[in-house]
Every structure is written in C-alpha cells, then in structure tokens.
C-alpha cells in the first residue's frame, strides 16, 4: 500500500498534520529542537479545538523484566537489582473519524507469548534458567494480568468491533499474533487466526521497513519472522504525523526507533500522551524525580528528559521527540506539577524494587464508556 500520499489516510477517515511538516529536517540540531517545540505548541491549540474522543480505557496486560541501566540511560546511582519490571498496558479508544464514522482503536495489544520470542528475552530467560536464584528472580519480575482478547470481553467488545490496532513501535511484538498468519508459527500446532477480526494495523512506514530488514544493532529487540505469512494488506502504513479523528492522533516520535509514534488523546481533562520513550514520568520530568541519580542526570547534563535507552538509534531524535510529547501533554488535574503522560509500558510501583520506583503514577486512564457493536 502506498505511504507517500493522503489517499491512504483519506480511506480511513484520517489526515496528515501540517504543523510538523519539515521540522525533523531542520538543521542544525539545536534549531531542530526549537522547531519541534514550536510546531507542537501550534498543533496543540488546533488539536484541542477539534474535539475529544468518545471514550478511552486502559487495562494492564503483563509485567516483564527490564534492565535498570536501560530504563534511565545509566543514570541510577545506587546499587539495585539489575532488573525491574515494566507493566504492558493496552488502551482502547473510541472516536469518530473525520468522515463521522465511529471507530475503535486498540493501542498496545501485547501478546506475552510473542514478546517472549524476541532475542533479548529469549537470552534473558536462558540466563535466569541457569543462574542460582534465577527462578526466584523470575517470579519477582514476571506477572500476568490479562490477554488482549480477555480485555475485549471484559469491556463488552468482540473482535469484529475493532477497526484498528497499533503499537508505538514493534520492539518485542509479533504481528502474527495480532493479524494472523498463513504459516504455522514454530512451536505451535495450528495457524494463528486474526485476534481482532478484520482490524488493520496502523504502522509507520519506517517501523515496518525496519522489521523487514533488521540491522544487527536492532536485531535483539524484534521478533524474527514476525511478518511471515501476514497479509500485507492488513497494514495501513503512514509517514510523519497523522490525526485519526477529532481528539486522537499518532505523532511521529523517532529516536527510540526510526518509526516510533505516540498516541495523543484529547479528553475532558485535556491532552494525554502515551509512548515508551520513557517508562515513568521520571523520564520526562527528571527534575522532579526521587529515583537516585535521575535528578542529578538532569542537573549535570542540563537535559530536560532522561530517555528510556535500550536502543539509541538516534538519541538526539529521541530527546526532541520527548520534548514534542511534553509540549502536547496537559498538566495532571490531581497534581499539576506532573504532565498527563502515560507510559505505554510503565515501571512497576512495587516496593521490592525500591528505590527504583516511579515518583508519580497516574494508574491508568478512563473516560466515557466503551461500547460494543457498531455504534
């Protein structure tokens, strides 16, 4: 499917966002950051004026291990367990597209069995199987809450109610688990059927291309063969920044990966942003962090963000992207010091990992009522 025109977006009731045109090409880099910030401020004004989503609800899927050194760019300054846990969060959004058609979008429908096959997690599992106390550590960092299909049933939805699904990026994601495959996945006995009926996956063209041709520096975080047997027509690819309807947009936020994008929602409490550029608000607001070393990272380097840095495909781009997210997000109603940024995969607030626990936790997002059936 073509990715360089508006025809693809028009077909799903969406449209490109002109405010960000060319900002990622501005040179030198200090001027690019300024351009990104100004474009985000300009878009925010128009975005909020267009309207709000009908309903949104987040549900936790599973907690998985993650190295502390990656989570805060090696900023943590005290001895800790080498691993913390991150909680995968699925978000269901209902909105009207720009043609007035009611739509349901599923953001981050992680299937844990697929994620476990990423080379990083396969190798980590081998280590935990061999080291003394590895099984105990595994029980400490792993927890399962619900599969994406369970979440739909809990919300009164069926697979046929879903129009689109998307991930902010495809690290440790296996599209076959979502879209189905005409080939049997290794280790399984039968073909995988589509998880969400005829729903299509929205994906940035650069992210899909990455999965099609991995660089060795990217390989460990992507599921090998994740596109085998998947119908290419199940993808809706786009470039740059797009808005799906009043109150919902996918902003291109490159850096963590080339095709990373962030979910942006306008709600009764203002604008929320969700991505995995950080795993806690401490990443976006290090000046407020109580995690040892994170505030010092901000002070010593003069940086207004502290990135989630397992892959530094372009750390300058990731910095700009996190500023883009901060500019869009509104202050939290419960505590205006903090922004309404909801990590798509969030540092678990468990005492067992103290002092590497989030300084502030939103605890999810919910507005309106998710409704089943074709509205």
Protein backbone atom coordinates (compact mmCIF):
# COMPACT_ATOMS: atom_id res chain seq x y z
CA UNK A 1 0.00 0.00 0.00
CA UNK A 2 1.27 3.47 -0.82
CA UNK A 3 2.62 5.54 2.03
CA UNK A 4 3.50 8.87 0.42
CA UNK A 5 0.09 10.45 -0.15
CA UNK A 6 -3.10 11.37 1.63
CA UNK A 7 -5.17 8.75 -0.21
CA UNK A 8 -4.30 6.06 2.35
CA UNK A 9 -5.31 8.32 5.22
CA UNK A 10 -8.47 9.50 3.47
CA UNK A 11 -9.53 5.88 3.15
CA UNK A 12 -9.64 5.52 6.95
CA UNK A 13 -11.09 8.97 7.69
CA UNK A 14 -7.70 10.32 8.80
CA UNK A 15 -5.40 13.11 7.59
CA UNK A 16 -1.79 14.33 7.89
CA UNK A 17 -0.77 17.03 10.38
CA UNK A 18 0.69 20.01 8.50
CA UNK A 19 2.19 21.73 11.56
CA UNK A 20 5.03 19.21 11.70
CA UNK A 21 5.93 19.33 8.02
CA UNK A 22 9.71 19.52 7.64
CA UNK A 23 10.56 20.07 11.31
CA UNK A 24 12.58 16.85 11.53
CA UNK A 25 14.78 18.07 8.68
CA UNK A 26 15.72 21.40 10.27
CA UNK A 27 19.48 21.88 10.73
CA UNK A 28 21.48 22.39 12.93
CA UNK A 29 20.13 20.22 15.74
CA UNK A 30 19.57 23.00 18.24
CA UNK A 31 17.32 24.72 15.72
CA UNK A 32 15.51 21.45 15.07
CA UNK A 33 14.61 21.12 18.75
CA UNK A 34 13.25 24.66 18.73
CA UNK A 35 11.24 23.92 15.57
CA UNK A 36 9.79 20.73 17.06
CA UNK A 37 8.76 22.53 20.25
CA UNK A 38 7.12 25.41 18.36
CA UNK A 39 5.28 23.07 15.98
CA UNK A 40 3.97 21.00 18.91
CA UNK A 41 2.68 24.12 20.66
CA UNK A 42 0.94 25.29 17.48
CA UNK A 43 -0.64 21.90 16.83
CA UNK A 44 -1.81 21.53 20.41
CA UNK A 45 -4.01 24.61 20.09
CA UNK A 46 -5.74 23.28 16.97
CA UNK A 47 -5.87 19.70 18.25
CA UNK A 48 -7.75 20.68 21.41
CA UNK A 49 -10.19 22.87 19.48
CA UNK A 50 -11.24 19.99 17.20
CA UNK A 51 -12.90 17.92 19.91
CA UNK A 52 -12.45 14.94 22.20
CA UNK A 53 -12.53 11.17 21.93
CA UNK A 54 -15.79 9.43 22.84
CA UNK A 55 -14.25 7.02 25.34
CA UNK A 56 -10.92 5.57 26.41
CA UNK A 57 -9.95 2.82 28.82
CA UNK A 58 -6.55 1.34 29.73
CA UNK A 59 -6.04 -2.20 31.06
CA UNK A 60 -2.81 -3.82 32.30
CA UNK A 61 -1.65 -6.89 30.32
CA UNK A 62 1.55 -8.24 31.87
CA UNK A 63 4.68 -7.25 33.78
CA UNK A 64 8.02 -8.18 32.23
CA UNK A 65 11.66 -7.74 33.33
CA UNK A 66 13.82 -4.88 32.10
CA UNK A 67 17.39 -3.80 32.93
CA UNK A 68 17.67 -0.77 35.22
CA UNK A 69 20.62 0.51 33.19
CA UNK A 70 18.42 0.89 30.11
CA UNK A 71 15.43 2.39 31.88
CA UNK A 72 17.16 5.66 32.83
CA UNK A 73 20.17 5.88 30.50
CA UNK A 74 22.56 4.59 33.20
CA UNK A 75 21.52 7.47 35.49
CA UNK A 76 20.57 5.40 38.58
CA UNK A 77 23.35 5.98 41.10
CA UNK A 78 22.74 3.37 43.83
CA UNK A 79 23.22 -0.43 43.81
CA UNK A 80 19.96 -2.17 42.92
CA UNK A 81 18.71 -5.41 41.49
CA UNK A 82 19.80 -5.49 37.82
CA UNK A 83 16.20 -5.86 36.71
CA UNK A 84 12.99 -4.00 37.38
CA UNK A 85 9.53 -4.79 35.97
CA UNK A 86 7.60 -2.88 33.34
CA UNK A 87 3.83 -3.27 33.03
CA UNK A 88 2.47 -3.54 29.49
CA UNK A 89 -0.71 -1.52 29.15
CA UNK A 90 -3.39 -1.87 26.46
CA UNK A 91 -5.54 1.18 25.68
CA UNK A 92 -8.91 1.03 23.90
CA UNK A 93 -10.02 4.28 22.26
CA UNK A 94 -13.39 5.05 20.70
CA UNK A 95 -13.70 8.10 18.48
CA UNK A 96 -15.34 9.47 15.34
CA UNK A 97 -13.08 9.81 12.30
CA UNK A 98 -13.10 12.89 10.07
CA UNK A 99 -15.85 11.34 7.93
CA UNK A 100 -18.04 11.00 11.03
CA UNK A 101 -17.67 7.21 11.22
CA UNK A 102 -17.44 5.67 14.69
CA UNK A 103 -14.15 3.84 15.19
CA UNK A 104 -12.49 1.66 17.82
CA UNK A 105 -8.70 1.64 18.12
CA UNK A 106 -6.62 -0.74 20.26
CA UNK A 107 -3.22 0.64 21.27
CA UNK A 108 -0.50 -1.76 22.50
CA UNK A 109 -2.33 -5.13 22.42
CA UNK A 110 0.77 -7.02 23.59
CA UNK A 111 0.59 -10.82 23.42
CA UNK A 112 3.14 -12.03 26.03
CA UNK A 113 3.87 -15.31 24.21
CA UNK A 114 5.01 -13.33 21.18
CA UNK A 115 7.14 -10.90 23.15
CA UNK A 116 8.96 -13.78 24.86
CA UNK A 117 10.38 -14.78 21.46
CA UNK A 118 12.35 -11.56 20.95
CA UNK A 119 16.07 -12.45 21.13
CA UNK A 120 16.66 -10.20 24.15
CA UNK A 121 14.01 -12.01 26.20
CA UNK A 122 14.97 -15.46 24.91
CA UNK A 123 18.54 -14.88 26.04
CA UNK A 124 17.42 -13.39 29.36
CA UNK A 125 15.28 -16.47 30.01
CA UNK A 126 18.30 -18.74 29.38
CA UNK A 127 20.31 -16.76 31.93
CA UNK A 128 17.58 -16.94 34.57
CA UNK A 129 17.25 -20.69 33.98
CA UNK A 130 20.95 -21.22 34.74
CA UNK A 131 21.96 -18.79 37.50
CA UNK A 132 21.39 -19.60 41.20
CA UNK A 133 18.19 -17.95 42.34
CA UNK A 134 17.11 -17.37 38.74
CA UNK A 135 13.69 -18.94 39.22
CA UNK A 136 13.06 -16.79 42.28
CA UNK A 137 14.07 -13.69 40.33
CA UNK A 138 11.75 -14.72 37.52
CA UNK A 139 8.82 -14.90 39.94
CA UNK A 140 9.82 -11.46 41.23
CA UNK A 141 9.73 -9.71 37.86
CA UNK A 142 7.01 -11.56 35.92
CA UNK A 143 3.29 -11.19 36.35
CA UNK A 144 0.33 -11.84 34.03
CA UNK A 145 -2.94 -9.91 34.23
CA UNK A 146 -4.92 -10.47 31.01
CA UNK A 147 -4.57 -11.36 27.35
CA UNK A 148 -5.81 -8.77 24.79
CA UNK A 149 -8.78 -11.00 23.95
CA UNK A 150 -9.71 -11.16 27.63
CA UNK A 151 -9.63 -7.36 27.78
CA UNK A 152 -12.11 -7.10 24.90
CA UNK A 153 -14.55 -9.44 26.61
CA UNK A 154 -14.17 -7.55 29.88
CA UNK A 155 -15.10 -4.33 28.08
CA UNK A 156 -18.06 -5.88 26.28
CA UNK A 157 -16.36 -5.88 22.89
CA UNK A 158 -15.97 -8.55 20.23
CA UNK A 159 -13.09 -8.86 17.74
CA UNK A 160 -15.37 -7.51 15.00
CA UNK A 161 -15.86 -4.29 16.96
CA UNK A 162 -12.22 -3.32 16.41
CA UNK A 163 -11.32 -1.18 13.41
CA UNK A 164 -7.61 -0.61 14.01
CA UNK A 165 -4.76 -1.66 16.26
CA UNK A 166 -1.33 -0.10 16.63
CA UNK A 167 1.88 -0.19 18.67
CA UNK A 168 4.06 2.83 19.33
CA UNK A 169 6.86 0.67 17.89
CA UNK A 170 7.38 -3.02 17.18
CA UNK A 171 10.04 -3.93 19.74
CA UNK A 172 9.22 -7.41 21.12
CA UNK A 173 5.95 -7.52 19.15
CA UNK A 174 4.93 -10.34 16.83
CA UNK A 175 2.37 -9.07 14.26
CA UNK A 176 1.37 -12.68 13.52
CA UNK A 177 -0.16 -12.89 16.99
CA UNK A 178 -2.44 -9.96 16.14
CA UNK A 179 -3.10 -10.21 12.42
CA UNK A 180 -2.92 -13.97 11.97
CA UNK A 181 -0.67 -15.89 9.59
CA UNK A 182 -0.96 -18.36 6.73
CA UNK A 183 2.10 -20.17 8.15
CA UNK A 184 2.23 -22.14 11.38
CA UNK A 185 4.47 -20.38 13.91
CA UNK A 186 7.38 -22.54 15.08
CA UNK A 187 6.43 -24.45 18.20
CA UNK A 188 2.68 -24.13 17.61
CA UNK A 189 0.28 -26.73 16.29
CA UNK A 190 -2.16 -24.64 14.26
CA UNK A 191 -2.42 -21.46 12.26
CA UNK A 192 -2.87 -18.21 14.17
CA UNK A 193 -6.20 -16.55 13.40
CA UNK A 194 -6.58 -12.76 13.50
CA UNK A 195 -7.05 -11.59 17.06
CA UNK A 196 -9.29 -8.66 16.12
CA UNK A 197 -11.24 -9.96 13.15
CA UNK A 198 -10.71 -7.73 10.12
CA UNK A 199 -8.97 -4.94 12.05
CA UNK A 200 -5.93 -3.46 10.34
CA UNK A 201 -2.66 -2.46 11.95
CA UNK A 202 -1.60 1.18 11.69
CA UNK A 203 2.19 1.34 11.43
CA UNK A 204 4.71 3.96 10.44
CA UNK A 205 6.36 3.00 7.15
CA UNK A 206 9.84 3.20 8.71
CA UNK A 207 8.88 0.85 11.53
CA UNK A 208 7.50 -1.77 9.16
CA UNK A 209 10.58 -1.46 6.95
CA UNK A 210 12.80 -1.98 10.00
CA UNK A 211 11.10 -5.28 10.78
CA UNK A 212 11.52 -6.31 7.14
CA UNK A 213 15.28 -5.63 7.17
CA UNK A 214 16.92 -5.54 10.60
CA UNK A 215 20.31 -4.01 11.32
CA UNK A 216 22.45 -6.02 13.78
CA UNK A 217 22.11 -3.21 16.33
CA UNK A 218 18.31 -3.60 16.16
CA UNK A 219 18.05 -7.37 15.95
CA UNK A 220 17.81 -8.28 19.65
CA UNK A 221 14.60 -6.32 20.18
CA UNK A 222 12.50 -7.52 17.24
CA UNK A 223 10.78 -10.89 16.77
CA UNK A 224 12.48 -12.71 13.90
CA UNK A 225 9.95 -13.88 11.33
CA UNK A 226 7.19 -11.74 12.82
CA UNK A 227 5.86 -10.93 9.35
CA UNK A 228 5.90 -14.47 7.95
CA UNK A 229 2.55 -15.35 6.45
CA UNK A 230 0.96 -12.00 7.32
CA UNK A 231 -1.15 -10.44 4.56
CA UNK A 232 0.49 -7.08 3.68
CA UNK A 233 -2.98 -5.62 3.10
CA UNK A 234 -3.61 -5.93 6.84
CA UNK A 235 -1.26 -2.99 7.39
CA UNK A 236 -2.15 0.65 6.94
CA UNK A 237 1.21 2.39 6.61
CA UNK A 238 1.75 6.11 7.01
CA UNK A 239 4.58 8.62 7.13
CA UNK A 240 5.07 11.51 9.51
CA UNK A 241 2.32 12.65 11.87
CA UNK A 242 -1.36 11.79 11.41
CA UNK A 243 -4.64 12.54 13.15
CA UNK A 244 -7.26 9.80 13.04
CA UNK A 245 -10.18 11.97 14.08
CA UNK A 246 -11.06 14.80 16.44
CA UNK A 247 -9.24 14.14 19.69
CA UNK A 248 -6.91 11.34 18.56
CA UNK A 249 -3.56 11.49 16.76
CA UNK A 250 -0.46 9.40 16.15
CA UNK A 251 2.59 11.66 16.32
CA UNK A 252 5.84 10.52 14.73
CA UNK A 253 8.38 10.49 17.57
CA UNK A 254 11.56 8.98 16.09
CA UNK A 255 14.68 8.14 18.05
CA UNK A 256 13.86 5.14 20.22
CA UNK A 257 13.18 3.51 16.85
CA UNK A 258 13.04 5.11 13.41
CA UNK A 259 9.29 4.63 13.13
CA UNK A 260 8.25 5.25 16.73
CA UNK A 261 4.93 7.05 17.13
CA UNK A 262 3.00 8.30 20.16
CA UNK A 263 -0.72 8.17 20.90
CA UNK A 264 -2.21 11.59 21.68
CA UNK A 265 -5.74 11.94 23.08
CA UNK A 266 -7.92 14.90 23.95
CA UNK A 267 -10.18 14.13 26.91
CA UNK A 268 -12.37 16.05 29.40
CA UNK A 269 -9.19 16.57 31.46
CA UNK A 270 -7.16 17.79 28.50
CA UNK A 271 -4.44 16.15 26.41
CA UNK A 272 -2.80 12.83 27.27
CA UNK A 273 0.23 11.31 25.52
CA UNK A 274 1.35 7.67 25.59
CA UNK A 275 4.55 6.04 24.34
CA UNK A 276 7.56 4.04 25.54
CA UNK A 277 10.10 6.83 25.10
CA UNK A 278 10.09 6.66 28.88
CA UNK A 279 8.86 4.06 31.34
CA UNK A 280 7.81 6.52 34.06
CA UNK A 281 7.12 10.22 34.40
CA UNK A 282 10.64 10.45 35.85
CA UNK A 283 11.96 10.05 32.28
CA UNK A 284 10.06 13.08 31.02
CA UNK A 285 10.38 15.18 34.20
CA UNK A 286 13.72 14.21 35.79
CA UNK A 287 13.83 17.47 37.73
CA UNK A 288 11.03 16.07 39.94
CA UNK A 289 12.39 12.53 40.25
CA UNK A 290 13.15 10.85 43.58
CA UNK A 291 14.92 7.91 41.91
CA UNK A 292 18.57 8.26 42.98
CA UNK A 293 20.65 9.71 40.16
CA UNK A 294 17.87 10.75 37.80
CA UNK A 295 17.55 14.33 39.04
CA UNK A 296 21.35 14.59 39.08
CA UNK A 297 21.39 13.42 35.43
CA UNK A 298 19.13 16.39 34.67
CA UNK A 299 21.28 18.81 36.64
CA UNK A 300 24.72 17.67 35.47
CA UNK A 301 23.91 17.38 31.77
CA UNK A 302 21.32 20.16 31.58
CA UNK A 303 18.82 17.81 29.91
CA UNK A 304 15.10 18.18 30.39
CA UNK A 305 14.48 14.50 29.72
CA UNK A 306 16.16 11.21 30.70
CA UNK A 307 15.41 8.69 27.94
CA UNK A 308 14.47 5.04 28.03
CA UNK A 309 17.66 3.95 26.32
CA UNK A 310 17.76 0.25 25.47
CA UNK A 311 18.33 1.25 21.83
CA UNK A 312 19.93 4.53 20.90
CA UNK A 313 19.10 4.54 17.20
CA UNK A 314 19.26 8.32 17.43
CA UNK A 315 19.42 9.77 20.92
CA UNK A 316 19.08 13.37 19.67
CA UNK A 317 15.87 12.48 17.82
CA UNK A 318 14.52 10.73 20.92
CA UNK A 319 15.26 13.83 23.00
CA UNK A 320 13.37 16.03 20.51
CA UNK A 321 10.50 13.53 20.43
CA UNK A 322 10.13 13.53 24.20
CA UNK A 323 10.05 17.33 24.18
CA UNK A 324 7.37 17.07 21.50
CA UNK A 325 5.36 14.81 23.83
CA UNK A 326 5.89 17.10 26.85
CA UNK A 327 4.71 20.12 24.87
CA UNK A 328 1.47 18.36 23.87
CA UNK A 329 0.60 16.92 27.28
CA UNK A 330 -1.51 18.93 29.71
CA UNK A 331 -0.83 19.15 33.47
CA UNK A 332 -2.37 16.46 35.65
CA UNK A 333 -5.57 17.56 37.41
CA UNK A 334 -4.66 15.71 40.63
CA UNK A 335 -1.15 17.21 40.81
CA UNK A 336 -0.36 19.94 38.24
CA UNK A 337 3.37 19.50 38.72
CA UNK A 338 3.13 16.35 36.62
CA UNK A 339 2.19 16.02 32.97
CA UNK A 340 -0.52 13.74 31.59
CA UNK A 341 1.94 11.31 30.02
CA UNK A 342 1.00 7.65 30.39
CA UNK A 343 3.91 5.32 29.55
CA UNK A 344 2.68 2.56 27.25
CA UNK A 345 4.88 0.24 29.30
CA UNK A 346 5.33 1.57 32.83
CA UNK A 347 7.81 0.96 35.63
CA UNK A 348 6.04 -1.17 38.22
CA UNK A 349 5.50 0.75 41.51
CA UNK A 350 6.46 -2.25 43.60
CA UNK A 351 8.30 -1.82 46.90
CA UNK A 352 10.57 -4.78 46.10
CA UNK A 353 12.37 -2.55 43.57
CA UNK A 354 12.83 0.43 45.89
CA UNK A 355 14.37 2.97 45.35
CA UNK A 356 13.83 2.44 41.60
CA UNK A 357 10.10 3.08 41.73
CA UNK A 358 8.17 5.80 39.88
CA UNK A 359 7.96 9.09 41.74
CA UNK A 360 4.38 9.63 40.50
CA UNK A 361 1.94 7.18 38.91
CA UNK A 362 -1.28 8.05 37.09
CA UNK A 363 -2.56 4.50 37.45
CA UNK A 364 -4.23 4.30 34.06
CA UNK A 365 -6.73 6.31 32.06
CA UNK A 366 -10.52 6.08 31.72
CA UNK A 367 -13.08 8.47 30.22
CA UNK A 368 -16.59 7.78 28.95
CA UNK A 369 -17.97 4.30 28.40
CA UNK A 370 -16.56 1.80 25.90
CA UNK A 371 -19.49 0.43 23.91
CA UNK A 372 -19.72 -2.78 21.88
CA UNK A 373 -21.34 -3.18 18.50
CA UNK A 374 -21.12 -0.90 15.51
CA UNK A 375 -22.07 2.44 17.01
